[in-house]
N, C-alpha and C. Protein backbone atom coordinates (compact mmCIF):
# COMPACT_ATOMS: atom_id res chain seq x y z
N MET A 1 87.87 108.62 83.93
CA MET A 1 87.85 108.49 85.36
C MET A 1 88.16 107.03 85.72
N ILE A 2 89.07 106.86 86.67
CA ILE A 2 89.45 105.52 87.12
C ILE A 2 88.72 105.24 88.43
N ARG A 3 88.04 104.11 88.47
CA ARG A 3 87.36 103.70 89.70
C ARG A 3 88.14 102.57 90.34
N PHE A 4 88.40 102.72 91.61
CA PHE A 4 89.10 101.68 92.35
C PHE A 4 88.09 100.90 93.17
N LYS A 5 88.04 99.61 92.93
CA LYS A 5 87.14 98.76 93.71
C LYS A 5 87.97 98.03 94.76
N LEU A 6 87.63 98.30 96.01
CA LEU A 6 88.36 97.67 97.12
C LEU A 6 88.01 96.19 97.23
N PHE A 7 86.75 95.87 97.06
CA PHE A 7 86.31 94.48 97.16
C PHE A 7 85.64 94.09 95.84
N LYS A 8 86.09 93.00 95.27
CA LYS A 8 85.53 92.56 94.00
C LYS A 8 84.19 91.87 94.20
N THR A 9 84.01 91.24 95.36
CA THR A 9 82.74 90.54 95.62
C THR A 9 82.27 90.82 97.04
N GLY A 10 81.00 90.56 97.26
CA GLY A 10 80.45 90.68 98.61
C GLY A 10 81.07 89.67 99.54
N PHE A 11 81.51 88.54 98.99
CA PHE A 11 82.13 87.50 99.81
C PHE A 11 83.43 88.00 100.44
N GLN A 12 84.23 88.72 99.66
CA GLN A 12 85.48 89.27 100.19
C GLN A 12 85.20 90.26 101.31
N PHE A 13 84.19 91.11 101.12
CA PHE A 13 83.81 92.07 102.14
C PHE A 13 83.38 91.36 103.41
N ALA A 14 82.55 90.32 103.27
CA ALA A 14 82.07 89.56 104.42
C ALA A 14 83.24 88.91 105.16
N CYS A 15 84.21 88.41 104.43
CA CYS A 15 85.38 87.78 105.07
C CYS A 15 86.17 88.80 105.89
N ILE A 16 86.35 90.00 105.35
CA ILE A 16 87.07 91.05 106.07
C ILE A 16 86.32 91.43 107.34
N VAL A 17 85.00 91.60 107.24
CA VAL A 17 84.19 91.96 108.41
C VAL A 17 84.30 90.89 109.48
N LEU A 18 84.20 89.63 109.09
CA LEU A 18 84.30 88.53 110.07
C LEU A 18 85.69 88.47 110.69
N LEU A 19 86.71 88.73 109.92
CA LEU A 19 88.07 88.73 110.44
C LEU A 19 88.25 89.83 111.49
N VAL A 20 87.82 91.03 111.18
CA VAL A 20 87.94 92.14 112.13
C VAL A 20 87.13 91.86 113.39
N ALA A 21 85.90 91.36 113.24
CA ALA A 21 85.06 91.04 114.40
C ALA A 21 85.72 89.95 115.24
N GLY A 22 86.31 88.96 114.61
CA GLY A 22 86.98 87.89 115.34
C GLY A 22 88.17 88.37 116.13
N LEU A 23 88.83 89.41 115.64
CA LEU A 23 89.97 89.97 116.36
C LEU A 23 89.53 90.88 117.51
N LEU A 24 88.42 91.57 117.36
CA LEU A 24 87.98 92.53 118.38
C LEU A 24 87.15 91.90 119.48
N LEU A 25 86.38 90.87 119.20
CA LEU A 25 85.49 90.31 120.22
C LEU A 25 86.21 89.82 121.46
N PRO A 26 87.32 89.09 121.35
CA PRO A 26 88.00 88.67 122.58
C PRO A 26 88.48 89.85 123.41
N VAL A 27 88.91 90.92 122.76
CA VAL A 27 89.37 92.09 123.49
C VAL A 27 88.21 92.75 124.21
N MET A 28 87.08 92.90 123.52
CA MET A 28 85.92 93.54 124.12
C MET A 28 85.34 92.68 125.23
N ALA A 29 85.32 91.37 125.05
CA ALA A 29 84.76 90.47 126.06
C ALA A 29 85.64 90.42 127.30
N GLY A 30 86.94 90.70 127.16
CA GLY A 30 87.85 90.59 128.28
C GLY A 30 88.07 91.87 129.05
N THR A 31 87.27 92.87 128.82
CA THR A 31 87.46 94.11 129.54
C THR A 31 86.64 94.12 130.82
N LEU A 32 87.13 94.83 131.80
CA LEU A 32 86.44 94.97 133.08
C LEU A 32 85.86 96.37 133.20
N PRO A 33 84.83 96.53 134.02
CA PRO A 33 84.29 97.87 134.26
C PRO A 33 85.38 98.81 134.78
N SER A 34 85.25 100.09 134.49
CA SER A 34 86.29 101.06 134.83
C SER A 34 86.49 101.21 136.34
N HIS A 35 85.49 100.87 137.15
CA HIS A 35 85.64 101.03 138.60
C HIS A 35 86.35 99.83 139.26
N TYR A 36 86.73 98.84 138.47
CA TYR A 36 87.42 97.67 139.03
C TYR A 36 88.87 98.02 139.35
N PRO A 37 89.47 97.32 140.33
CA PRO A 37 90.89 97.55 140.67
C PRO A 37 91.81 97.25 139.49
N GLN A 38 92.94 97.89 139.45
CA GLN A 38 93.94 97.65 138.41
C GLN A 38 94.72 96.36 138.67
N VAL A 39 94.80 95.96 139.92
CA VAL A 39 95.57 94.77 140.29
C VAL A 39 94.77 93.95 141.29
N PHE A 40 94.73 92.63 141.07
CA PHE A 40 94.15 91.72 142.06
C PHE A 40 95.30 90.93 142.67
N VAL A 41 95.32 90.86 143.99
CA VAL A 41 96.37 90.10 144.67
C VAL A 41 96.19 88.61 144.40
N TRP A 42 94.93 88.20 144.18
CA TRP A 42 94.66 86.80 143.88
C TRP A 42 93.40 86.72 143.03
N THR A 43 93.40 85.85 142.04
CA THR A 43 92.20 85.57 141.25
C THR A 43 92.02 84.07 141.14
N GLY A 44 90.81 83.67 140.88
CA GLY A 44 90.53 82.25 140.69
C GLY A 44 89.05 81.97 140.76
N THR A 45 88.75 80.71 140.72
CA THR A 45 87.37 80.24 140.81
C THR A 45 87.09 79.85 142.25
N ILE A 46 85.90 80.20 142.73
CA ILE A 46 85.51 79.81 144.09
C ILE A 46 85.34 78.30 144.13
N ASP A 47 86.16 77.65 144.96
CA ASP A 47 86.11 76.20 145.09
C ASP A 47 85.18 75.74 146.21
N ASP A 48 85.11 76.54 147.29
CA ASP A 48 84.30 76.14 148.45
C ASP A 48 83.96 77.39 149.26
N ILE A 49 82.76 77.37 149.83
CA ILE A 49 82.32 78.43 150.74
C ILE A 49 81.81 77.75 152.00
N ARG A 50 82.37 78.15 153.14
CA ARG A 50 81.92 77.59 154.42
C ARG A 50 81.91 78.71 155.45
N PRO A 51 81.27 78.50 156.56
CA PRO A 51 81.20 79.57 157.57
C PRO A 51 82.59 80.09 157.94
N GLY A 52 82.80 81.39 157.71
CA GLY A 52 84.06 82.03 158.09
C GLY A 52 85.20 81.85 157.13
N ALA A 53 85.00 81.17 156.00
CA ALA A 53 86.10 80.94 155.06
C ALA A 53 85.57 80.76 153.64
N VAL A 54 86.44 81.08 152.70
CA VAL A 54 86.16 80.84 151.29
C VAL A 54 87.45 80.35 150.64
N VAL A 55 87.34 79.37 149.75
CA VAL A 55 88.51 78.83 149.05
C VAL A 55 88.42 79.29 147.59
N ILE A 56 89.46 80.00 147.15
CA ILE A 56 89.50 80.54 145.79
C ILE A 56 90.78 80.06 145.12
N GLY A 57 90.65 79.34 144.04
CA GLY A 57 91.84 78.84 143.34
C GLY A 57 92.75 78.05 144.24
N ASP A 58 92.19 77.17 145.06
CA ASP A 58 92.92 76.30 145.99
C ASP A 58 93.60 77.06 147.14
N ARG A 59 93.28 78.33 147.31
CA ARG A 59 93.83 79.11 148.43
C ARG A 59 92.69 79.46 149.38
N GLU A 60 92.86 79.12 150.66
CA GLU A 60 91.81 79.39 151.65
C GLU A 60 92.01 80.76 152.29
N PHE A 61 90.92 81.51 152.34
CA PHE A 61 90.90 82.79 153.03
C PHE A 61 89.98 82.65 154.22
N GLY A 62 90.52 82.91 155.42
CA GLY A 62 89.73 82.82 156.64
C GLY A 62 89.25 84.18 157.09
N ASN A 63 88.56 84.21 158.21
CA ASN A 63 88.03 85.44 158.79
C ASN A 63 87.15 86.19 157.78
N VAL A 64 86.34 85.42 157.06
CA VAL A 64 85.45 85.99 156.05
C VAL A 64 84.07 86.16 156.66
N GLY A 65 83.57 87.38 156.59
CA GLY A 65 82.25 87.66 157.15
C GLY A 65 81.58 88.82 156.44
N SER A 66 80.66 89.45 157.12
CA SER A 66 79.88 90.52 156.52
C SER A 66 80.71 91.78 156.25
N HIS A 67 81.91 91.87 156.82
CA HIS A 67 82.77 93.03 156.59
C HIS A 67 83.43 93.01 155.21
N ILE A 68 83.36 91.90 154.50
CA ILE A 68 83.95 91.78 153.17
C ILE A 68 83.00 92.41 152.15
N SER A 69 83.51 93.31 151.32
CA SER A 69 82.66 93.88 150.28
C SER A 69 82.74 93.00 149.03
N VAL A 70 81.58 92.75 148.45
CA VAL A 70 81.46 91.91 147.26
C VAL A 70 80.90 92.78 146.14
N HIS A 71 81.57 92.77 144.99
CA HIS A 71 81.18 93.62 143.86
C HIS A 71 80.80 92.74 142.68
N ARG A 72 79.62 92.98 142.13
CA ARG A 72 79.13 92.23 140.99
C ARG A 72 79.46 92.97 139.69
N LEU A 73 79.47 92.25 138.59
CA LEU A 73 79.79 92.84 137.29
C LEU A 73 78.81 93.94 136.89
N LYS A 74 77.57 93.78 137.27
CA LYS A 74 76.55 94.75 136.87
C LYS A 74 76.57 96.00 137.74
N GLY A 75 77.59 96.14 138.58
CA GLY A 75 77.74 97.36 139.36
C GLY A 75 77.06 97.32 140.72
N SER A 76 76.36 96.24 141.01
CA SER A 76 75.67 96.17 142.29
C SER A 76 76.58 95.55 143.35
N HIS A 77 76.38 96.01 144.58
CA HIS A 77 77.10 95.41 145.70
C HIS A 77 76.31 94.20 146.16
N ALA A 78 77.01 93.24 146.68
CA ALA A 78 76.38 92.00 147.15
C ALA A 78 77.01 91.63 148.48
N SER A 79 76.68 90.47 148.97
CA SER A 79 77.25 89.99 150.22
C SER A 79 77.87 88.62 149.99
N ILE A 80 78.56 88.15 151.00
CA ILE A 80 79.19 86.82 150.93
C ILE A 80 78.15 85.75 150.59
N GLN A 81 76.93 85.91 151.07
CA GLN A 81 75.88 84.93 150.82
C GLN A 81 75.50 84.84 149.33
N ASP A 82 75.84 85.87 148.55
CA ASP A 82 75.52 85.87 147.12
C ASP A 82 76.57 85.15 146.28
N LEU A 83 77.67 84.76 146.88
CA LEU A 83 78.72 84.05 146.14
C LEU A 83 78.30 82.61 145.88
N GLN A 84 78.83 82.07 144.80
CA GLN A 84 78.52 80.68 144.43
C GLN A 84 79.79 79.95 144.04
N VAL A 85 79.83 78.67 144.34
CA VAL A 85 80.96 77.83 143.91
C VAL A 85 80.99 77.86 142.38
N GLY A 86 82.18 78.02 141.82
CA GLY A 86 82.36 78.08 140.38
C GLY A 86 82.45 79.49 139.83
N MET A 87 82.13 80.49 140.64
CA MET A 87 82.19 81.89 140.21
C MET A 87 83.66 82.34 140.15
N SER A 88 84.01 83.06 139.09
CA SER A 88 85.36 83.63 138.97
C SER A 88 85.41 84.96 139.69
N VAL A 89 86.43 85.15 140.53
CA VAL A 89 86.54 86.37 141.32
C VAL A 89 87.99 86.85 141.39
N GLY A 90 88.13 88.15 141.64
CA GLY A 90 89.42 88.75 141.95
C GLY A 90 89.39 89.20 143.40
N CYS A 91 90.51 89.11 144.09
CA CYS A 91 90.58 89.43 145.51
C CYS A 91 91.48 90.63 145.76
N VAL A 92 91.04 91.47 146.68
CA VAL A 92 91.88 92.56 147.19
C VAL A 92 92.14 92.23 148.65
N LEU A 93 93.41 92.24 149.03
CA LEU A 93 93.81 91.87 150.39
C LEU A 93 94.41 93.07 151.11
N SER A 94 94.36 93.01 152.43
CA SER A 94 94.99 94.04 153.26
C SER A 94 96.49 93.76 153.33
N ASP A 95 97.21 94.64 154.00
CA ASP A 95 98.66 94.46 154.15
C ASP A 95 99.02 93.18 154.89
N ASN A 96 98.13 92.71 155.77
CA ASN A 96 98.40 91.46 156.49
C ASN A 96 97.68 90.26 155.86
N ASN A 97 97.40 90.36 154.55
CA ASN A 97 96.82 89.28 153.75
C ASN A 97 95.42 88.86 154.18
N GLN A 98 94.65 89.78 154.76
CA GLN A 98 93.25 89.52 155.07
C GLN A 98 92.40 89.97 153.90
N LEU A 99 91.40 89.17 153.56
CA LEU A 99 90.51 89.49 152.46
C LEU A 99 89.70 90.75 152.77
N ILE A 100 89.75 91.74 151.88
CA ILE A 100 89.00 92.99 152.03
C ILE A 100 87.78 93.00 151.12
N SER A 101 88.00 92.62 149.84
CA SER A 101 86.90 92.65 148.89
C SER A 101 87.07 91.59 147.81
N LEU A 102 85.92 91.19 147.27
CA LEU A 102 85.86 90.24 146.16
C LEU A 102 85.16 90.91 144.99
N TRP A 103 85.66 90.68 143.79
CA TRP A 103 85.14 91.30 142.59
C TRP A 103 84.82 90.20 141.58
N GLU A 104 83.56 90.11 141.19
CA GLU A 104 83.15 89.11 140.20
C GLU A 104 83.84 89.38 138.88
N LEU A 105 84.37 88.33 138.26
CA LEU A 105 85.03 88.44 136.96
C LEU A 105 84.23 87.67 135.92
N PRO A 106 84.18 88.17 134.69
CA PRO A 106 83.46 87.43 133.65
C PRO A 106 84.21 86.15 133.30
N ASP A 107 83.48 85.08 133.03
CA ASP A 107 84.11 83.81 132.66
C ASP A 107 84.93 83.96 131.38
N SER A 108 84.49 84.86 130.49
CA SER A 108 85.17 85.05 129.22
C SER A 108 86.55 85.67 129.37
N LEU A 109 86.84 86.20 130.54
CA LEU A 109 88.12 86.86 130.77
C LEU A 109 89.27 85.87 130.88
N ASN A 110 88.98 84.64 131.28
CA ASN A 110 90.02 83.62 131.45
C ASN A 110 91.16 84.10 132.34
N ALA A 111 90.79 84.68 133.47
CA ALA A 111 91.80 85.16 134.41
C ALA A 111 92.58 83.98 134.98
N PRO A 112 93.88 84.14 135.13
CA PRO A 112 94.69 83.06 135.69
C PRO A 112 94.44 82.92 137.19
N THR A 113 94.75 81.75 137.73
CA THR A 113 94.70 81.57 139.18
C THR A 113 96.00 82.14 139.74
N GLY A 114 95.87 83.04 140.70
CA GLY A 114 97.04 83.66 141.31
C GLY A 114 97.02 85.15 141.16
N PRO A 115 98.13 85.82 141.45
CA PRO A 115 98.20 87.28 141.33
C PRO A 115 98.01 87.69 139.87
N TRP A 116 97.29 88.81 139.65
CA TRP A 116 96.98 89.20 138.27
C TRP A 116 96.66 90.67 138.17
N ALA A 117 97.14 91.30 137.12
CA ALA A 117 96.83 92.70 136.83
C ALA A 117 96.11 92.74 135.49
N PRO A 118 94.79 93.01 135.49
CA PRO A 118 94.04 93.02 134.22
C PRO A 118 94.67 93.96 133.20
N GLY A 119 94.81 93.47 131.99
CA GLY A 119 95.36 94.28 130.91
C GLY A 119 96.89 94.35 130.92
N LEU A 120 97.50 93.86 131.96
CA LEU A 120 98.96 93.84 132.04
C LEU A 120 99.41 92.39 132.07
N GLN A 121 100.70 92.18 132.04
CA GLN A 121 101.17 90.81 132.13
C GLN A 121 100.97 90.27 133.53
N ARG A 122 100.90 88.96 133.65
CA ARG A 122 100.67 88.32 134.93
C ARG A 122 101.79 88.66 135.92
N LEU A 123 101.39 88.90 137.15
CA LEU A 123 102.38 89.21 138.19
C LEU A 123 103.04 87.93 138.66
N THR A 124 104.26 88.03 139.12
CA THR A 124 104.98 86.89 139.64
C THR A 124 104.52 86.63 141.08
N PRO A 125 104.11 85.37 141.41
CA PRO A 125 103.70 85.07 142.78
C PRO A 125 104.81 85.39 143.76
N GLN A 126 104.40 85.86 144.94
CA GLN A 126 105.38 86.23 145.97
C GLN A 126 105.72 85.07 146.85
């Protein structure tokens, strides 16, 4: 009977496990919940929050109030008052470029500033 040994040492096995984990962790960390939009018209870090406006990735959005829906990663809805400077968010805009909703993004996602489609290549700015 011939026995085939895939790994000669425990060290080789450990190296393979670490290699596979290293390849999968960034993919797993960069996923969004299934209820998130497929495309964000704008993404970025919140630079400033002031009455009636929010600045995200150096772009100012006006007419911001309680009508804006805010979605947290843990599935809970929040309000504009729950936003913080430095938070990564994705934006959904209306046809006339008014902010409709903000979606919290994980920092590990490294979303670009500007238009973005999660899991797809970056969209070209309009």
